[in-house]
Amino acid sequence: MSARLVDIGDTQLHIDERGDGLPLLVLHGGPGLDHTMFGHALDPLGDALRVILVDQRAQGRSARDSAPATWTLAQMAADVSALAAALELDRYAVLGHSFGAMVALQHAVDFSGQPVATIVSSGVPSEDLLMPHVEASIVALEPPELREIVAASWEREASVTDDAEVLQLLIDQLPFHFADVNDPRIADLAAECEQGAYSADVLRHFANEGYGGINVVDRLGEVRHPVLVLAGRHDRTCSVEAAEVIAGGIPNAELGILESAGHMTFIEENAAYLRLVADFLGRHASVFSQAAGSSAQHP
């Protein structure tokens, strides 16, 4: 395991590595969170891959020196390519979850053909497929006392000013993100997340900007490299419908639905999740080794 800062030009990104093999750049959810949200759930991938957990721009333990004007999905997508270049990676794959999935999807569209593969885990292709689903899910959430806590936590994102409060908002929302609001693993994940580093400024910024305002539905057909789309059947944040739109719009994309999971697919159905990821990358890593380098687009 190796943690360090990597200079990508106008800022530095913190990475935490484990394993050896095809580099897999892993993008965390949020916004305003860090790679700690994955806990140790992805560690087994290190048996076959070089797993590189990334704290995205101005988040986690990455440098906090970038201008807020650069806190956009487009820039964070460009950061993925800049990080790959800084690490001198000729070939790499990308896995993004939740907010990170939107960054990964934006990267797949903007830099089509550059990664050998992209995994979009619990993401959406457009803003209008996000908040309406979240709001409807909150209304339907039981019991009522939990509904009130979760609703309040979402509302506070737009005005949060203290980094420590971001952790509390995350902990308040964790039951919402599991299919079973009483899942015993919620407490385990909360304990893991206490070791993280959080950014109130980034969370507040995106909460007031439509969480990045992603809108790539009309560009999905531009993606030329393999894409795996993963979704939890009971996800209250990123719906299966949104996953189907992504998979349906990208040529030859694969769709994996984890039937017993909510938003935290990589924890709720860990074995199945890891199997889907490993199988997908195993089938495409070597096939696209030459094509990835020759067809890459650069910023």
Protein backbone atom coordinates (compact mmCIF):
# COMPACT_ATOMS: atom_id res chain seq x y z
CA MET A 1 0.00 0.00 0.00
CA SER A 2 1.45 3.38 -1.03
CA ALA A 3 -0.06 6.82 -0.43
CA ARG A 4 1.30 10.04 -1.93
CA LEU A 5 0.52 13.30 -3.69
CA VAL A 6 0.86 13.46 -7.47
CA ASP A 7 1.35 16.75 -9.35
CA ILE A 8 -1.07 17.04 -12.29
CA GLY A 9 -0.24 20.61 -13.27
CA ASP A 10 -2.38 23.15 -11.47
CA THR A 11 -2.88 21.02 -8.34
CA GLN A 12 -1.91 17.76 -6.65
CA LEU A 13 -4.08 14.67 -6.22
CA HIS A 14 -3.68 12.23 -3.35
CA ILE A 15 -3.59 8.56 -4.33
CA ASP A 16 -3.47 5.36 -2.31
CA GLU A 17 -2.28 2.26 -4.18
CA ARG A 18 -2.40 -1.48 -3.66
CA GLY A 19 -1.74 -4.48 -5.89
CA ASP A 20 -0.07 -4.91 -9.24
CA GLY A 21 -1.32 -5.33 -12.79
CA LEU A 22 -3.56 -3.19 -15.01
CA PRO A 23 -3.90 0.20 -13.26
CA LEU A 24 -7.49 0.89 -12.14
CA LEU A 25 -8.13 4.52 -11.23
CA VAL A 26 -10.93 4.52 -8.64
CA LEU A 27 -13.02 7.68 -8.17
CA HIS A 28 -14.96 8.17 -4.93
CA GLY A 29 -18.47 9.44 -4.39
CA GLY A 30 -19.56 12.67 -2.81
CA PRO A 31 -18.94 15.36 -3.73
CA GLY A 32 -16.76 16.42 -0.80
CA LEU A 33 -15.82 12.89 0.30
CA ASP A 34 -12.66 10.83 -0.27
CA HIS A 35 -11.50 7.30 -1.06
CA THR A 36 -12.15 6.22 2.54
CA MET A 37 -15.78 5.58 1.57
CA PHE A 38 -14.66 2.34 -0.13
CA GLY A 39 -13.28 0.98 3.14
CA HIS A 40 -11.53 -2.29 2.31
CA ALA A 41 -14.28 -3.47 -0.04
CA LEU A 42 -12.18 -3.17 -3.19
CA ASP A 43 -8.93 -4.52 -1.72
CA PRO A 44 -9.36 -8.03 -3.22
CA LEU A 45 -9.04 -6.48 -6.69
CA GLY A 46 -5.41 -5.83 -5.77
CA ASP A 47 -4.74 -9.54 -6.32
CA ALA A 48 -4.93 -8.93 -10.08
CA LEU A 49 -4.94 -5.15 -10.57
CA ARG A 50 -2.99 -2.07 -9.53
CA VAL A 51 -5.82 -0.38 -7.65
CA ILE A 52 -5.25 3.39 -7.42
CA LEU A 53 -7.72 5.08 -5.06
CA VAL A 54 -7.91 8.76 -5.98
CA ASP A 55 -8.96 11.71 -3.85
CA GLN A 56 -10.42 14.00 -6.47
CA ARG A 57 -9.66 17.69 -6.96
CA ALA A 58 -9.81 19.74 -3.71
CA GLN A 59 -11.16 16.74 -1.79
CA GLY A 60 -9.81 14.28 0.75
CA ARG A 61 -6.08 14.64 1.20
CA SER A 62 -5.55 16.20 -2.21
CA ALA A 63 -4.27 19.78 -2.34
CA ARG A 64 -6.86 22.43 -1.53
CA ASP A 65 -5.22 25.09 -3.72
CA SER A 66 -7.35 24.85 -6.87
CA ALA A 67 -9.77 27.63 -7.76
CA PRO A 68 -13.50 26.90 -7.29
CA ALA A 69 -13.96 27.74 -10.96
CA THR A 70 -12.15 24.47 -11.70
CA TRP A 71 -14.53 22.41 -9.57
CA THR A 72 -16.49 20.98 -12.49
CA LEU A 73 -17.20 17.52 -13.83
CA ALA A 74 -15.37 18.41 -17.04
CA GLN A 75 -12.21 19.43 -15.16
CA MET A 76 -12.32 16.44 -12.85
CA ALA A 77 -12.71 14.22 -15.92
CA ALA A 78 -9.65 15.91 -17.44
CA ASP A 79 -7.84 15.33 -14.13
CA VAL A 80 -8.21 11.58 -14.70
CA SER A 81 -6.22 11.81 -17.92
CA ALA A 82 -3.72 14.21 -16.33
CA LEU A 83 -3.19 11.80 -13.44
CA ALA A 84 -2.68 8.87 -15.82
CA ALA A 85 -0.09 10.92 -17.71
CA ALA A 86 1.67 11.98 -14.50
CA LEU A 87 1.87 8.33 -13.42
CA GLU A 88 3.12 7.41 -16.92
CA LEU A 89 0.32 4.92 -17.45
CA ASP A 90 0.18 3.69 -21.04
CA ARG A 91 -2.91 1.63 -20.25
CA TYR A 92 -5.44 2.05 -17.49
CA ALA A 93 -9.08 1.52 -16.59
CA VAL A 94 -11.41 3.79 -14.61
CA LEU A 95 -14.00 2.90 -11.97
CA GLY A 96 -16.19 5.65 -10.56
CA HIS A 97 -18.94 5.29 -7.98
CA SER A 98 -21.85 7.72 -7.43
CA PHE A 99 -20.44 11.25 -7.94
CA GLY A 100 -17.27 9.50 -9.10
CA ALA A 101 -19.39 7.58 -11.62
CA MET A 102 -20.48 10.87 -13.14
CA VAL A 103 -16.83 11.94 -13.41
CA ALA A 104 -15.93 8.56 -14.93
CA LEU A 105 -18.80 8.84 -17.43
CA GLN A 106 -17.83 12.40 -18.35
CA HIS A 107 -14.27 11.15 -18.86
CA ALA A 108 -15.47 8.27 -21.04
CA VAL A 109 -17.31 10.76 -23.26
CA ASP A 110 -14.67 13.49 -23.35
CA PHE A 111 -11.69 11.12 -23.71
CA SER A 112 -13.30 8.29 -25.63
CA GLY A 113 -10.88 5.49 -26.37
CA GLN A 114 -8.22 6.64 -23.91
CA PRO A 115 -8.92 4.20 -21.04
CA VAL A 116 -9.02 0.52 -21.93
CA ALA A 117 -12.31 0.29 -20.04
CA THR A 118 -14.64 2.31 -17.81
CA ILE A 119 -16.88 1.07 -15.01
CA VAL A 120 -19.80 3.33 -14.12
CA SER A 121 -20.98 2.27 -10.68
CA SER A 122 -24.27 3.75 -9.42
CA GLY A 123 -24.27 6.82 -11.64
CA VAL A 124 -26.55 8.94 -13.83
CA PRO A 125 -26.11 10.43 -17.33
CA SER A 126 -28.18 13.56 -16.71
CA GLU A 127 -29.18 15.82 -13.84
CA ASP A 128 -32.88 15.24 -14.42
CA LEU A 129 -32.43 11.56 -13.59
CA LEU A 130 -30.90 12.33 -10.20
CA MET A 131 -32.77 14.63 -7.82
CA PRO A 132 -36.35 13.69 -8.81
CA HIS A 133 -35.49 10.08 -7.95
CA VAL A 134 -33.80 11.12 -4.69
CA GLU A 135 -36.77 13.25 -3.68
CA ALA A 136 -39.29 10.51 -4.43
CA SER A 137 -37.16 8.01 -2.51
CA ILE A 138 -37.02 10.28 0.54
CA VAL A 139 -40.80 10.68 0.54
CA ALA A 140 -41.20 6.89 0.51
CA LEU A 141 -38.53 6.23 3.14
CA GLU A 142 -39.55 4.45 6.34
CA PRO A 143 -39.63 4.88 9.28
CA PRO A 144 -40.74 8.56 9.44
CA GLU A 145 -38.04 9.56 11.93
CA LEU A 146 -35.32 8.32 9.55
CA ARG A 147 -37.05 10.14 6.69
CA GLU A 148 -36.77 13.40 8.60
CA ILE A 149 -33.07 12.88 9.33
CA VAL A 150 -32.24 12.02 5.72
CA ALA A 151 -34.30 14.88 4.28
CA ALA A 152 -32.61 17.36 6.59
CA SER A 153 -29.16 16.06 5.71
CA TRP A 154 -29.75 16.52 1.97
CA GLU A 155 -31.03 20.06 2.58
CA ARG A 156 -27.98 20.99 4.68
CA GLU A 157 -25.57 20.08 1.89
CA ALA A 158 -26.24 23.40 0.17
CA SER A 159 -25.16 25.42 3.21
CA VAL A 160 -22.57 23.24 4.95
CA THR A 161 -19.45 25.16 6.00
CA ASP A 162 -17.60 22.81 8.37
CA ASP A 163 -15.59 19.83 7.11
CA ALA A 164 -16.54 17.79 10.19
CA GLU A 165 -20.21 18.33 9.40
CA VAL A 166 -19.73 16.65 6.02
CA LEU A 167 -18.90 13.43 7.86
CA GLN A 168 -22.03 13.80 9.98
CA LEU A 169 -24.18 14.37 6.89
CA LEU A 170 -22.68 11.23 5.34
CA ILE A 171 -23.39 9.18 8.46
CA ASP A 172 -26.96 10.54 8.60
CA GLN A 173 -27.51 9.45 4.99
CA LEU A 174 -25.92 5.99 5.11
CA PRO A 175 -29.17 4.11 5.92
CA PHE A 176 -30.73 5.78 2.86
CA HIS A 177 -27.95 4.35 0.72
CA PHE A 178 -28.43 0.72 1.81
CA ALA A 179 -31.34 -1.40 0.58
CA ASP A 180 -31.96 -2.39 4.21
CA VAL A 181 -31.94 0.72 6.40
CA ASN A 182 -31.01 -1.53 9.34
CA ASP A 183 -28.11 -3.26 7.58
CA PRO A 184 -25.47 -3.95 10.28
CA ARG A 185 -22.72 -3.00 7.83
CA ILE A 186 -23.85 0.63 8.04
CA ALA A 187 -22.14 1.00 11.41
CA ASP A 188 -18.96 -0.61 10.05
CA LEU A 189 -18.84 1.80 7.11
CA ALA A 190 -19.51 4.78 9.39
CA ALA A 191 -16.51 3.77 11.48
CA GLU A 192 -14.35 3.47 8.35
CA CYS A 193 -15.45 6.90 7.15
CA GLU A 194 -14.36 8.51 10.43
CA GLN A 195 -10.80 8.08 9.13
CA GLY A 196 -11.54 10.18 6.06
CA ALA A 197 -10.90 13.81 5.13
CA TYR A 198 -13.82 15.90 3.93
CA SER A 199 -14.46 19.15 2.06
CA ALA A 200 -17.45 21.28 2.98
CA ASP A 201 -16.53 23.83 0.32
CA VAL A 202 -16.67 21.27 -2.50
CA LEU A 203 -19.90 19.71 -1.24
CA ARG A 204 -21.60 23.10 -0.89
CA HIS A 205 -20.37 24.18 -4.31
CA PHE A 206 -21.81 21.16 -6.10
CA ALA A 207 -25.01 21.04 -4.04
CA ASN A 208 -25.76 24.53 -5.36
CA GLU A 209 -24.79 23.60 -8.93
CA GLY A 210 -27.00 20.57 -9.56
CA TYR A 211 -24.25 18.21 -8.35
CA GLY A 212 -22.25 19.01 -11.46
CA GLY A 213 -25.19 19.27 -13.85
CA ILE A 214 -24.16 16.23 -15.85
CA ASN A 215 -25.82 15.96 -19.25
CA VAL A 216 -24.17 13.48 -21.59
CA VAL A 217 -27.17 11.49 -22.82
CA ASP A 218 -26.79 12.81 -26.36
CA ARG A 219 -23.05 12.02 -26.39
CA LEU A 220 -23.09 8.44 -25.09
CA GLY A 221 -22.80 7.09 -28.63
CA GLU A 222 -19.36 8.72 -28.90
CA VAL A 223 -17.80 6.29 -26.42
CA ARG A 224 -15.62 3.79 -28.28
CA HIS A 225 -14.11 1.74 -25.46
CA PRO A 226 -15.76 -0.98 -23.33
CA VAL A 227 -18.04 0.20 -20.54
CA LEU A 228 -19.63 -1.73 -17.69
CA VAL A 229 -22.59 -0.11 -15.96
CA LEU A 230 -23.42 -1.36 -12.45
CA ALA A 231 -26.54 -0.54 -10.46
CA GLY A 232 -28.34 -1.65 -7.34
CA ARG A 233 -31.96 -2.68 -7.81
CA HIS A 234 -33.00 -0.76 -4.68
CA ASP A 235 -30.80 2.33 -5.16
CA ARG A 236 -32.61 5.40 -3.80
CA THR A 237 -30.10 7.83 -5.34
CA CYS A 238 -29.12 6.57 -8.81
CA SER A 239 -31.92 4.54 -10.33
CA VAL A 240 -31.80 1.41 -12.45
CA GLU A 241 -33.56 3.49 -15.12
CA ALA A 242 -30.56 5.85 -15.20
CA ALA A 243 -28.21 2.87 -15.56
CA GLU A 244 -30.30 1.52 -18.42
CA VAL A 245 -30.10 4.86 -20.22
CA ILE A 246 -26.29 4.81 -19.93
CA ALA A 247 -25.96 1.19 -21.06
CA GLY A 248 -28.46 1.68 -23.85
CA GLY A 249 -26.68 4.73 -25.22
CA ILE A 250 -23.11 3.41 -25.28
CA PRO A 251 -22.34 0.93 -28.08
CA ASN A 252 -21.88 -2.59 -26.72
CA ALA A 253 -21.99 -1.46 -23.08
CA GLU A 254 -22.66 -4.13 -20.48
CA LEU A 255 -25.21 -3.74 -17.68
CA GLY A 256 -25.02 -5.49 -14.34
CA ILE A 257 -27.88 -5.19 -11.86
CA LEU A 258 -27.16 -6.21 -8.27
CA GLU A 259 -30.59 -7.39 -7.21
CA SER A 260 -30.21 -7.16 -3.42
CA ALA A 261 -28.29 -3.88 -3.25
CA GLY A 262 -29.08 -0.22 -2.82
CA HIS A 263 -26.55 2.51 -3.58
CA MET A 264 -23.61 0.87 -1.78
CA THR A 265 -23.36 -2.02 -4.21
CA PHE A 266 -19.68 -2.72 -3.57
CA ILE A 267 -20.45 -3.41 0.09
CA GLU A 268 -23.97 -4.86 -0.05
CA GLU A 269 -23.13 -7.46 -2.71
CA ASN A 270 -19.36 -7.40 -2.42
CA ALA A 271 -18.59 -10.82 -3.91
CA ALA A 272 -20.88 -10.33 -6.91
CA TYR A 273 -19.61 -6.78 -7.45
CA LEU A 274 -15.96 -7.84 -7.44
CA ARG A 275 -16.74 -10.77 -9.73
CA LEU A 276 -18.45 -8.51 -12.29
CA VAL A 277 -15.56 -6.03 -12.24
CA ALA A 278 -12.84 -8.68 -12.45
CA ASP A 279 -14.60 -10.57 -15.24
CA PHE A 280 -15.19 -7.41 -17.28
CA LEU A 281 -11.61 -6.18 -16.96
CA GLY A 282 -10.25 -9.67 -17.54
CA ARG A 283 -12.08 -9.89 -20.85
CA HIS A 284 -11.17 -6.43 -22.10
CA ALA A 285 -7.76 -5.55 -20.63
CA SER A 286 -5.68 -7.43 -23.19
CA VAL A 287 -8.02 -7.13 -26.16
CA PHE A 288 -7.78 -3.34 -26.14
CA SER A 289 -4.12 -2.97 -25.16
CA GLN A 290 -3.04 -1.71 -28.59
CA ALA A 291 -6.19 0.21 -29.49
CA ALA A 292 -6.15 2.24 -26.29
CA GLY A 293 -2.82 3.88 -27.03
CA SER A 294 -3.47 4.56 -30.70
CA SER A 295 -6.95 6.06 -30.37
CA ALA A 296 -6.47 8.20 -27.28
CA GLN A 297 -7.63 11.80 -27.29
CA HIS A 298 -5.78 14.36 -25.23
CA PRO A 299 -6.93 17.59 -23.64
